[in-house]
Amino acid sequence: MSESSPGKDRRAIGRLLVVAVLVLALLLVGAAAVSVLSGRSLPLGLWQVSHLVRAMADRGTVTTHNQGDYTSIIFLHHSTGANLIAEGQVREMLTEAGYDFWDHHYNPTGLRDPSGELTGYSYRIPNDNTDPDGLARLFAQRAYPWPVNALSGLLQHEVIVFKSCFPASQINSDAQLEQYQAWYLAMRDVMDAHPDRVFVVVSPPPLHRAATDPAAAVRARAFADWLSSEAYLAGHPNVYAFDLFDHLAESDPNSPEVNMLRAAYRPDDIDSHPNQAANQAVGPAFAKALIEAARSYASRG
């Protein structure tokens, strides 16, 4: 019996991708040689080629962690997420529970493997932007079986966790809040299209009292509440939420700092990065939420 047309197409695409990787690798080696001989740094943008080549070459290593039981987790974040991982013992707790925890920082830092070691490449997040507009652009990319873009890189993992950082909590108008919701609804459509993956939406952390105002803070709370609500999650079984905002924000309605970063979690008089006490308090809850999401979806059979 002859091979089906879809099977032939997949094999042809695979061969083309291999050839593309080899060509890109040769270009990269040539450019690096020119750089060494000329004493000039590599042109801006060539890092993208370098990271693409390395990501493509490492695909087998990354995907071997996918066993169909949702134990391969990746967390897309910036500095707040990095501090949460390091000071909250997130990687250690997930590793102890039997999970492979990868995380992705700013593009220049890139991807860390389950041992916490840098892989030497990133998934090339568009404009290095994880604000809601940047995440919307990322999720609008076409998905491929190889990590040729950021979305395809993330989809190499079974559980995709992502967040915006605290600047996203400066929501200055109801129209901006509605735009955030529209972007996240569009992103949810993409998540629905990948029922073999689990997605954990993490709400942005709150801002320091010196960096926001009460009206913007109220909208930030409303956005975080909406992400964890039935309105966003119901009917989308592979979409989960972790309300980082609620864990970090002042909840006393009588406080002038309600919906802002709690006093006990502020590192100084202006910085919105949650301090070590915050990360130590939230880290276990975050790790537990990821484990529960993975186990819950895996148990659906």
C-alpha atoms as a PDB file:
ATOM      1  CA  MET A   1       0.000   0.000   0.000  1.00  0.00           C
ATOM      2  CA  SER A   2       1.428   3.380  -0.965  1.00  0.00           C
ATOM      3  CA  GLU A   3       2.028   6.013   1.675  1.00  0.00           C
ATOM      4  CA  SER A   4      -0.790   8.515   2.151  1.00  0.00           C
ATOM      5  CA  SER A   5      -0.422  12.018   0.766  1.00  0.00           C
ATOM      6  CA  PRO A   6      -0.426  13.637   4.259  1.00  0.00           C
ATOM      7  CA  GLY A   7       2.369  11.288   5.302  1.00  0.00           C
ATOM      8  CA  LYS A   8       4.426  12.207   2.248  1.00  0.00           C
ATOM      9  CA  ASP A   9       3.807  15.891   2.894  1.00  0.00           C
ATOM     10  CA  ARG A  10       5.026  15.617   6.493  1.00  0.00           C
ATOM     11  CA  ARG A  11       8.194  13.818   5.418  1.00  0.00           C
ATOM     12  CA  ALA A  12       8.832  16.416   2.708  1.00  0.00           C
ATOM     13  CA  ILE A  13       8.354  19.261   5.198  1.00  0.00           C
ATOM     14  CA  GLY A  14      10.727  17.517   7.582  1.00  0.00           C
ATOM     15  CA  ARG A  15      13.416  17.233   4.914  1.00  0.00           C
ATOM     16  CA  LEU A  16      12.997  20.875   3.946  1.00  0.00           C
ATOM     17  CA  LEU A  17      13.341  21.952   7.563  1.00  0.00           C
ATOM     18  CA  VAL A  18      16.530  19.923   7.949  1.00  0.00           C
ATOM     19  CA  VAL A  19      17.960  21.540   4.834  1.00  0.00           C
ATOM     20  CA  ALA A  20      16.914  24.960   6.133  1.00  0.00           C
ATOM     21  CA  VAL A  21      18.704  24.332   9.430  1.00  0.00           C
ATOM     22  CA  LEU A  22      21.879  23.299   7.600  1.00  0.00           C
ATOM     23  CA  VAL A  23      21.764  26.379   5.372  1.00  0.00           C
ATOM     24  CA  LEU A  24      21.175  28.667   8.339  1.00  0.00           C
ATOM     25  CA  ALA A  25      24.008  27.014  10.222  1.00  0.00           C
ATOM     26  CA  LEU A  26      26.390  27.566   7.307  1.00  0.00           C
ATOM     27  CA  LEU A  27      25.334  31.213   7.064  1.00  0.00           C
ATOM     28  CA  LEU A  28      25.863  31.662  10.783  1.00  0.00           C
ATOM     29  CA  VAL A  29      29.318  30.079  10.690  1.00  0.00           C
ATOM     30  CA  GLY A  30      30.259  32.260   7.743  1.00  0.00           C
ATOM     31  CA  ALA A  31      29.027  35.409   9.457  1.00  0.00           C
ATOM     32  CA  ALA A  32      30.869  34.499  12.646  1.00  0.00           C
ATOM     33  CA  ALA A  33      34.077  33.966  10.647  1.00  0.00           C
ATOM     34  CA  VAL A  34      33.692  37.367   9.019  1.00  0.00           C
ATOM     35  CA  SER A  35      33.134  38.884  12.458  1.00  0.00           C
ATOM     36  CA  VAL A  36      36.319  37.335  13.833  1.00  0.00           C
ATOM     37  CA  LEU A  37      38.435  38.335  10.817  1.00  0.00           C
ATOM     38  CA  SER A  38      37.091  41.872  10.671  1.00  0.00           C
ATOM     39  CA  GLY A  39      37.002  42.475  14.403  1.00  0.00           C
ATOM     40  CA  ARG A  40      33.431  43.752  14.140  1.00  0.00           C
ATOM     41  CA  SER A  41      30.444  42.538  16.098  1.00  0.00           C
ATOM     42  CA  LEU A  42      27.722  40.540  14.411  1.00  0.00           C
ATOM     43  CA  PRO A  43      25.017  42.647  12.737  1.00  0.00           C
ATOM     44  CA  LEU A  44      21.884  43.396  14.724  1.00  0.00           C
ATOM     45  CA  GLY A  45      19.380  40.648  13.975  1.00  0.00           C
ATOM     46  CA  LEU A  46      21.944  37.937  13.334  1.00  0.00           C
ATOM     47  CA  TRP A  47      21.390  36.799  16.914  1.00  0.00           C
ATOM     48  CA  GLN A  48      17.929  35.768  15.729  1.00  0.00           C
ATOM     49  CA  VAL A  49      19.462  33.487  13.131  1.00  0.00           C
ATOM     50  CA  SER A  50      21.825  32.094  15.757  1.00  0.00           C
ATOM     51  CA  HIS A  51      19.006  31.433  18.200  1.00  0.00           C
ATOM     52  CA  LEU A  52      16.834  29.917  15.478  1.00  0.00           C
ATOM     53  CA  VAL A  53      19.571  27.502  14.440  1.00  0.00           C
ATOM     54  CA  ARG A  54      20.222  26.471  18.030  1.00  0.00           C
ATOM     55  CA  ALA A  55      16.509  26.059  18.803  1.00  0.00           C
ATOM     56  CA  MET A  56      16.000  23.916  15.711  1.00  0.00           C
ATOM     57  CA  ALA A  57      19.042  21.792  16.538  1.00  0.00           C
ATOM     58  CA  ASP A  58      17.851  21.341  20.133  1.00  0.00           C
ATOM     59  CA  ARG A  59      14.293  20.374  19.221  1.00  0.00           C
ATOM     60  CA  GLY A  60      14.876  16.687  19.870  1.00  0.00           C
ATOM     61  CA  THR A  61      16.257  17.329  23.346  1.00  0.00           C
ATOM     62  CA  VAL A  62      13.336  19.591  24.257  1.00  0.00           C
ATOM     63  CA  THR A  63      10.582  17.343  22.965  1.00  0.00           C
ATOM     64  CA  THR A  64      11.964  14.177  24.554  1.00  0.00           C
ATOM     65  CA  HIS A  65      10.620  15.611  27.821  1.00  0.00           C
ATOM     66  CA  ASN A  66       7.082  15.320  26.413  1.00  0.00           C
ATOM     67  CA  GLN A  67       5.710  12.029  27.632  1.00  0.00           C
ATOM     68  CA  GLY A  68       2.021  12.773  27.105  1.00  0.00           C
ATOM     69  CA  ASP A  69       1.426  13.256  30.820  1.00  0.00           C
ATOM     70  CA  TYR A  70       1.945  17.026  30.881  1.00  0.00           C
ATOM     71  CA  THR A  71       5.158  17.026  32.868  1.00  0.00           C
ATOM     72  CA  SER A  72       7.070  19.414  30.572  1.00  0.00           C
ATOM     73  CA  ILE A  73       6.315  22.967  31.741  1.00  0.00           C
ATOM     74  CA  ILE A  74       7.578  26.268  30.341  1.00  0.00           C
ATOM     75  CA  PHE A  75       7.104  29.659  32.003  1.00  0.00           C
ATOM     76  CA  LEU A  76       7.440  32.805  29.871  1.00  0.00           C
ATOM     77  CA  HIS A  77       8.309  35.781  32.081  1.00  0.00           C
ATOM     78  CA  HIS A  78      10.585  38.747  32.673  1.00  0.00           C
ATOM     79  CA  SER A  79      12.321  39.923  35.864  1.00  0.00           C
ATOM     80  CA  THR A  80       9.444  39.431  38.320  1.00  0.00           C
ATOM     81  CA  GLY A  81       9.043  35.850  37.152  1.00  0.00           C
ATOM     82  CA  ALA A  82      12.780  35.224  37.386  1.00  0.00           C
ATOM     83  CA  ASN A  83      12.797  36.417  40.996  1.00  0.00           C
ATOM     84  CA  LEU A  84       9.765  34.281  41.792  1.00  0.00           C
ATOM     85  CA  ILE A  85      11.524  31.203  40.435  1.00  0.00           C
ATOM     86  CA  ALA A  86      14.814  31.863  42.227  1.00  0.00           C
ATOM     87  CA  GLU A  87      13.555  33.111  45.586  1.00  0.00           C
ATOM     88  CA  GLY A  88      10.347  31.096  45.667  1.00  0.00           C
ATOM     89  CA  GLN A  89      12.055  27.738  45.012  1.00  0.00           C
ATOM     90  CA  VAL A  90       9.664  27.078  42.139  1.00  0.00           C
ATOM     91  CA  ARG A  91      12.018  24.935  40.054  1.00  0.00           C
ATOM     92  CA  GLU A  92      13.030  22.861  43.074  1.00  0.00           C
ATOM     93  CA  MET A  93       9.434  22.121  44.039  1.00  0.00           C
ATOM     94  CA  LEU A  94       8.401  21.182  40.517  1.00  0.00           C
ATOM     95  CA  THR A  95      11.458  18.992  40.031  1.00  0.00           C
ATOM     96  CA  GLU A  96      10.766  17.191  43.283  1.00  0.00           C
ATOM     97  CA  ALA A  97       7.198  16.566  42.102  1.00  0.00           C
ATOM     98  CA  GLY A  98       8.498  14.970  38.888  1.00  0.00           C
ATOM     99  CA  TYR A  99       8.111  17.874  36.469  1.00  0.00           C
ATOM    100  CA  ASP A 100      10.601  19.282  33.948  1.00  0.00           C
ATOM    101  CA  PHE A 101      10.454  23.033  34.438  1.00  0.00           C
ATOM    102  CA  TRP A 102      11.808  25.257  31.679  1.00  0.00           C
ATOM    103  CA  ASP A 103      11.654  29.027  31.818  1.00  0.00           C
ATOM    104  CA  HIS A 104      12.163  31.828  29.315  1.00  0.00           C
ATOM    105  CA  HIS A 105      13.445  35.263  30.353  1.00  0.00           C
ATOM    106  CA  TYR A 106      14.191  38.272  28.131  1.00  0.00           C
ATOM    107  CA  ASN A 107      15.521  37.184  24.731  1.00  0.00           C
ATOM    108  CA  PRO A 108      19.193  37.961  25.518  1.00  0.00           C
ATOM    109  CA  THR A 109      18.984  35.560  28.472  1.00  0.00           C
ATOM    110  CA  GLY A 110      16.653  33.162  26.735  1.00  0.00           C
ATOM    111  CA  LEU A 111      15.672  29.672  27.737  1.00  0.00           C
ATOM    112  CA  ARG A 112      16.751  27.730  30.817  1.00  0.00           C
ATOM    113  CA  ASP A 113      16.474  23.945  30.888  1.00  0.00           C
ATOM    114  CA  PRO A 114      15.032  21.878  33.759  1.00  0.00           C
ATOM    115  CA  SER A 115      18.370  21.960  35.579  1.00  0.00           C
ATOM    116  CA  GLY A 116      18.309  25.752  35.495  1.00  0.00           C
ATOM    117  CA  GLU A 117      21.150  25.981  32.970  1.00  0.00           C
ATOM    118  CA  LEU A 118      20.989  28.430  30.079  1.00  0.00           C
ATOM    119  CA  THR A 119      20.491  26.736  26.713  1.00  0.00           C
ATOM    120  CA  GLY A 120      22.252  29.525  24.817  1.00  0.00           C
ATOM    121  CA  TYR A 121      19.221  30.509  22.767  1.00  0.00           C
ATOM    122  CA  SER A 122      15.763  32.040  23.026  1.00  0.00           C
ATOM    123  CA  TYR A 123      12.477  31.452  21.236  1.00  0.00           C
ATOM    124  CA  ARG A 124      12.769  35.011  19.859  1.00  0.00           C
ATOM    125  CA  ILE A 125       9.751  36.604  21.562  1.00  0.00           C
ATOM    126  CA  PRO A 126       8.550  39.376  19.208  1.00  0.00           C
ATOM    127  CA  ASN A 127      10.115  42.675  20.318  1.00  0.00           C
ATOM    128  CA  ASP A 128      10.862  40.963  23.643  1.00  0.00           C
ATOM    129  CA  ASN A 129       7.387  42.168  24.609  1.00  0.00           C
ATOM    130  CA  THR A 130       5.291  40.234  27.132  1.00  0.00           C
ATOM    131  CA  ASP A 131       2.797  43.030  27.771  1.00  0.00           C
ATOM    132  CA  PRO A 132      -0.733  42.108  26.632  1.00  0.00           C
ATOM    133  CA  ASP A 133      -0.192  43.545  23.157  1.00  0.00           C
ATOM    134  CA  GLY A 134       3.069  41.622  22.814  1.00  0.00           C
ATOM    135  CA  LEU A 135       1.501  38.374  23.988  1.00  0.00           C
ATOM    136  CA  ALA A 136      -1.348  38.898  21.527  1.00  0.00           C
ATOM    137  CA  ARG A 137       1.174  39.274  18.711  1.00  0.00           C
ATOM    138  CA  LEU A 138       2.999  36.130  19.859  1.00  0.00           C
ATOM    139  CA  PHE A 139      -0.199  34.060  19.938  1.00  0.00           C
ATOM    140  CA  ALA A 140      -1.162  35.361  16.510  1.00  0.00           C
ATOM    141  CA  GLN A 141       1.860  33.614  14.970  1.00  0.00           C
ATOM    142  CA  ARG A 142       1.326  30.495  12.924  1.00  0.00           C
ATOM    143  CA  ALA A 143       2.161  27.263  14.734  1.00  0.00           C
ATOM    144  CA  TYR A 144       4.670  24.882  13.147  1.00  0.00           C
ATOM    145  CA  PRO A 145       6.023  21.501  14.264  1.00  0.00           C
ATOM    146  CA  TRP A 146       9.495  23.043  14.527  1.00  0.00           C
ATOM    147  CA  PRO A 147      10.465  26.104  16.636  1.00  0.00           C
ATOM    148  CA  VAL A 148      10.669  28.535  13.738  1.00  0.00           C
ATOM    149  CA  ASN A 149       8.911  31.252  15.741  1.00  0.00           C
ATOM    150  CA  ALA A 150       8.088  32.017  19.377  1.00  0.00           C
ATOM    151  CA  LEU A 151       4.694  30.329  19.490  1.00  0.00           C
ATOM    152  CA  SER A 152       6.051  27.160  17.921  1.00  0.00           C
ATOM    153  CA  GLY A 153       8.899  27.159  20.424  1.00  0.00           C
ATOM    154  CA  LEU A 154       6.533  27.398  23.374  1.00  0.00           C
ATOM    155  CA  LEU A 155       4.327  24.665  21.921  1.00  0.00           C
ATOM    156  CA  GLN A 156       7.230  22.232  22.122  1.00  0.00           C
ATOM    157  CA  HIS A 157       6.324  22.019  25.815  1.00  0.00           C
ATOM    158  CA  GLU A 158       3.162  20.455  27.193  1.00  0.00           C
ATOM    159  CA  VAL A 159       2.217  23.119  29.739  1.00  0.00           C
ATOM    160  CA  ILE A 160       2.656  26.755  28.687  1.00  0.00           C
ATOM    161  CA  VAL A 161       2.615  29.338  31.489  1.00  0.00           C
ATOM    162  CA  PHE A 162       2.857  33.043  30.687  1.00  0.00           C
ATOM    163  CA  LYS A 163       2.453  36.463  32.256  1.00  0.00           C
ATOM    164  CA  SER A 164       2.884  40.143  31.677  1.00  0.00           C
ATOM    165  CA  CYS A 165       4.991  42.111  34.148  1.00  0.00           C
ATOM    166  CA  PHE A 166       3.771  44.871  36.461  1.00  0.00           C
ATOM    167  CA  PRO A 167       3.738  47.736  33.883  1.00  0.00           C
ATOM    168  CA  ALA A 168       0.661  46.033  32.407  1.00  0.00           C
ATOM    169  CA  SER A 169      -1.216  46.849  35.623  1.00  0.00           C
ATOM    170  CA  GLN A 170      -1.211  50.544  34.767  1.00  0.00           C
ATOM    171  CA  ILE A 171      -4.620  50.449  33.081  1.00  0.00           C
ATOM    172  CA  ASN A 172      -5.526  54.065  32.492  1.00  0.00           C
ATOM    173  CA  SER A 173      -9.019  53.746  31.046  1.00  0.00           C
ATOM    174  CA  ASP A 174     -11.958  51.410  30.639  1.00  0.00           C
ATOM    175  CA  ALA A 175     -11.146  51.293  26.929  1.00  0.00           C
ATOM    176  CA  GLN A 176      -7.666  49.979  27.721  1.00  0.00           C
ATOM    177  CA  LEU A 177      -9.169  47.337  29.999  1.00  0.00           C
ATOM    178  CA  GLU A 178     -11.543  46.280  27.224  1.00  0.00           C
ATOM    179  CA  GLN A 179      -8.628  46.058  24.796  1.00  0.00           C
ATOM    180  CA  TYR A 180      -6.742  43.799  27.226  1.00  0.00           C
ATOM    181  CA  GLN A 181      -9.771  41.549  27.408  1.00  0.00           C
ATOM    182  CA  ALA A 182     -10.114  41.473  23.626  1.00  0.00           C
ATOM    183  CA  TRP A 183      -6.462  40.447  23.255  1.00  0.00           C
ATOM    184  CA  TYR A 184      -6.806  37.677  25.830  1.00  0.00           C
ATOM    185  CA  LEU A 185      -9.986  36.396  24.192  1.00  0.00           C
ATOM    186  CA  ALA A 186      -8.126  36.166  20.882  1.00  0.00           C
ATOM    187  CA  MET A 187      -5.301  34.342  22.656  1.00  0.00           C
ATOM    188  CA  ARG A 188      -7.827  31.963  24.171  1.00  0.00           C
ATOM    189  CA  ASP A 189      -9.030  31.077  20.679  1.00  0.00           C
ATOM    190  CA  VAL A 190      -5.472  29.942  19.911  1.00  0.00           C
ATOM    191  CA  MET A 191      -5.352  27.919  23.132  1.00  0.00           C
ATOM    192  CA  ASP A 192      -8.613  26.239  22.127  1.00  0.00           C
ATOM    193  CA  ALA A 193      -6.949  25.189  18.870  1.00  0.00           C
ATOM    194  CA  HIS A 194      -4.314  23.218  20.819  1.00  0.00           C
ATOM    195  CA  PRO A 195      -6.247  20.798  23.054  1.00  0.00           C
ATOM    196  CA  ASP A 196      -3.087  18.694  23.460  1.00  0.00           C
ATOM    197  CA  ARG A 197      -1.534  21.522  25.456  1.00  0.00           C
ATOM    198  CA  VAL A 198      -2.324  23.123  28.815  1.00  0.00           C
ATOM    199  CA  PHE A 199      -2.144  26.898  29.173  1.00  0.00           C
ATOM    200  CA  VAL A 200      -1.845  28.705  32.498  1.00  0.00           C
ATOM    201  CA  VAL A 201      -2.613  32.423  32.306  1.00  0.00           C
ATOM    202  CA  VAL A 202      -0.894  34.371  35.103  1.00  0.00           C
ATOM    203  CA  SER A 203      -2.308  37.783  35.998  1.00  0.00           C
ATOM    204  CA  PRO A 204       0.146  40.713  36.016  1.00  0.00           C
ATOM    205  CA  PRO A 205       1.508  41.669  39.440  1.00  0.00           C
ATOM    206  CA  PRO A 206       0.295  44.909  41.051  1.00  0.00           C
ATOM    207  CA  LEU A 207       2.185  48.173  40.969  1.00  0.00           C
ATOM    208  CA  HIS A 208       3.885  49.996  43.826  1.00  0.00           C
ATOM    209  CA  ARG A 209       1.796  52.821  45.305  1.00  0.00           C
ATOM    210  CA  ALA A 210       4.354  55.311  43.917  1.00  0.00           C
ATOM    211  CA  ALA A 211       3.880  54.003  40.383  1.00  0.00           C
ATOM    212  CA  THR A 212       0.101  54.002  39.980  1.00  0.00           C
ATOM    213  CA  ASP A 213      -3.149  55.607  41.118  1.00  0.00           C
ATOM    214  CA  PRO A 214      -6.347  54.229  42.706  1.00  0.00           C
ATOM    215  CA  ALA A 215      -8.415  54.216  39.504  1.00  0.00           C
ATOM    216  CA  ALA A 216      -5.763  52.324  37.509  1.00  0.00           C
ATOM    217  CA  ALA A 217      -5.315  49.910  40.417  1.00  0.00           C
ATOM    218  CA  VAL A 218      -9.050  49.177  40.471  1.00  0.00           C
ATOM    219  CA  ARG A 219      -8.941  48.350  36.771  1.00  0.00           C
ATOM    220  CA  ALA A 220      -5.891  46.142  37.319  1.00  0.00           C
ATOM    221  CA  ARG A 221      -7.831  44.217  39.953  1.00  0.00           C
ATOM    222  CA  ALA A 222     -10.796  43.926  37.590  1.00  0.00           C
ATOM    223  CA  PHE A 223      -8.574  42.512  34.857  1.00  0.00           C
ATOM    224  CA  ALA A 224      -6.968  39.985  37.204  1.00  0.00           C
ATOM    225  CA  ASP A 225     -10.387  38.939  38.528  1.00  0.00           C
ATOM    226  CA  TRP A 226     -11.675  38.482  34.984  1.00  0.00           C
ATOM    227  CA  LEU A 227      -8.776  36.231  33.985  1.00  0.00           C
ATOM    228  CA  SER A 228      -9.624  33.873  36.853  1.00  0.00           C
ATOM    229  CA  SER A 229     -13.377  34.048  36.319  1.00  0.00           C
ATOM    230  CA  GLU A 230     -15.834  31.637  34.770  1.00  0.00           C
ATOM    231  CA  ALA A 231     -16.384  34.262  32.102  1.00  0.00           C
ATOM    232  CA  TYR A 232     -12.880  33.600  30.812  1.00  0.00           C
ATOM    233  CA  LEU A 233     -12.259  29.986  31.808  1.00  0.00           C
ATOM    234  CA  ALA A 234     -15.593  28.174  31.549  1.00  0.00           C
ATOM    235  CA  GLY A 235     -15.857  25.880  28.538  1.00  0.00           C
ATOM    236  CA  HIS A 236     -12.109  25.960  27.906  1.00  0.00           C
ATOM    237  CA  PRO A 237     -10.808  22.902  29.746  1.00  0.00           C
ATOM    238  CA  ASN A 238      -7.143  23.326  28.795  1.00  0.00           C
ATOM    239  CA  VAL A 239      -7.005  26.941  30.039  1.00  0.00           C
ATOM    240  CA  TYR A 240      -6.191  27.613  33.696  1.00  0.00           C
ATOM    241  CA  ALA A 241      -5.336  30.743  35.654  1.00  0.00           C
ATOM    242  CA  PHE A 242      -3.068  31.733  38.523  1.00  0.00           C
ATOM    243  CA  ASP A 243      -3.981  35.042  40.130  1.00  0.00           C
ATOM    244  CA  LEU A 244      -0.563  36.452  40.955  1.00  0.00           C
ATOM    245  CA  PHE A 245      -2.101  39.910  41.329  1.00  0.00           C
ATOM    246  CA  ASP A 246      -4.355  38.764  44.152  1.00  0.00           C
ATOM    247  CA  HIS A 247      -1.498  37.058  45.990  1.00  0.00           C
ATOM    248  CA  LEU A 248       0.543  40.276  45.984  1.00  0.00           C
ATOM    249  CA  ALA A 249      -1.982  43.117  46.148  1.00  0.00           C
ATOM    250  CA  GLU A 250      -3.382  44.860  49.211  1.00  0.00           C
ATOM    251  CA  SER A 251      -6.932  43.566  49.661  1.00  0.00           C
ATOM    252  CA  ASP A 252      -8.196  45.811  52.481  1.00  0.00           C
ATOM    253  CA  PRO A 253     -10.852  48.035  50.874  1.00  0.00           C
ATOM    254  CA  ASN A 254     -10.287  50.656  53.562  1.00  0.00           C
ATOM    255  CA  SER A 255      -6.588  50.997  52.773  1.00  0.00           C
ATOM    256  CA  PRO A 256      -5.474  53.877  50.523  1.00  0.00           C
ATOM    257  CA  GLU A 257      -3.166  51.308  48.915  1.00  0.00           C
ATOM    258  CA  VAL A 258      -5.880  48.791  48.066  1.00  0.00           C
ATOM    259  CA  ASN A 259      -5.083  46.896  44.835  1.00  0.00           C
ATOM    260  CA  MET A 260      -1.452  48.028  44.982  1.00  0.00           C
ATOM    261  CA  LEU A 261       1.631  46.031  45.966  1.00  0.00           C
ATOM    262  CA  ARG A 262       1.374  45.211  49.667  1.00  0.00           C
ATOM    263  CA  ALA A 263       3.627  47.160  52.003  1.00  0.00           C
ATOM    264  CA  ALA A 264       5.235  43.956  53.271  1.00  0.00           C
ATOM    265  CA  TYR A 265       6.107  42.977  49.717  1.00  0.00           C
ATOM    266  CA  ARG A 266       7.705  46.262  48.609  1.00  0.00           C
ATOM    267  CA  PRO A 267      11.511  46.278  48.259  1.00  0.00           C
ATOM    268  CA  ASP A 268      11.805  50.074  48.630  1.00  0.00           C
ATOM    269  CA  ASP A 269       9.936  53.349  48.162  1.00  0.00           C
ATOM    270  CA  ILE A 270       9.380  53.051  44.421  1.00  0.00           C
ATOM    271  CA  ASP A 271      10.312  49.626  42.967  1.00  0.00           C
ATOM    272  CA  SER A 272       7.355  47.471  41.889  1.00  0.00           C
ATOM    273  CA  HIS A 273       9.336  44.231  41.875  1.00  0.00           C
ATOM    274  CA  PRO A 274       7.956  42.048  44.692  1.00  0.00           C
ATOM    275  CA  ASN A 275      10.615  41.438  47.329  1.00  0.00           C
ATOM    276  CA  GLN A 276      12.057  38.198  48.626  1.00  0.00           C
ATOM    277  CA  ALA A 277       9.342  37.837  51.270  1.00  0.00           C
ATOM    278  CA  ALA A 278       6.717  38.025  48.531  1.00  0.00           C
ATOM    279  CA  ASN A 279       8.434  35.440  46.373  1.00  0.00           C
ATOM    280  CA  GLN A 280       8.930  33.071  49.287  1.00  0.00           C
ATOM    281  CA  ALA A 281       5.246  33.382  50.155  1.00  0.00           C
ATOM    282  CA  VAL A 282       3.912  32.990  46.614  1.00  0.00           C
ATOM    283  CA  GLY A 283       6.394  30.467  45.191  1.00  0.00           C
ATOM    284  CA  PRO A 284       4.834  27.368  46.790  1.00  0.00           C
ATOM    285  CA  ALA A 285       1.318  28.423  45.755  1.00  0.00           C
ATOM    286  CA  PHE A 286       2.490  29.023  42.191  1.00  0.00           C
ATOM    287  CA  ALA A 287       4.233  25.647  41.928  1.00  0.00           C
ATOM    288  CA  LYS A 288       1.184  23.920  43.434  1.00  0.00           C
ATOM    289  CA  ALA A 289      -1.130  25.617  40.937  1.00  0.00           C
ATOM    290  CA  LEU A 290       0.972  24.459  37.982  1.00  0.00           C
ATOM    291  CA  ILE A 291       1.029  20.899  39.267  1.00  0.00           C
ATOM    292  CA  GLU A 292      -2.724  20.917  39.851  1.00  0.00           C
ATOM    293  CA  ALA A 293      -3.410  22.274  36.353  1.00  0.00           C
ATOM    294  CA  ALA A 294      -1.196  19.641  34.725  1.00  0.00           C
ATOM    295  CA  ARG A 295      -2.645  16.788  36.775  1.00  0.00           C
ATOM    296  CA  SER A 296      -6.208  17.968  36.316  1.00  0.00           C
ATOM    297  CA  TYR A 297      -5.949  18.037  32.564  1.00  0.00           C
ATOM    298  CA  ALA A 298      -3.953  14.814  32.332  1.00  0.00           C
ATOM    299  CA  SER A 299      -6.617  13.025  34.376  1.00  0.00           C
ATOM    300  CA  ARG A 300      -9.268  13.840  31.782  1.00  0.00           C
ATOM    301  CA  GLY A 301      -7.807  11.037  29.683  1.00  0.00           C
END
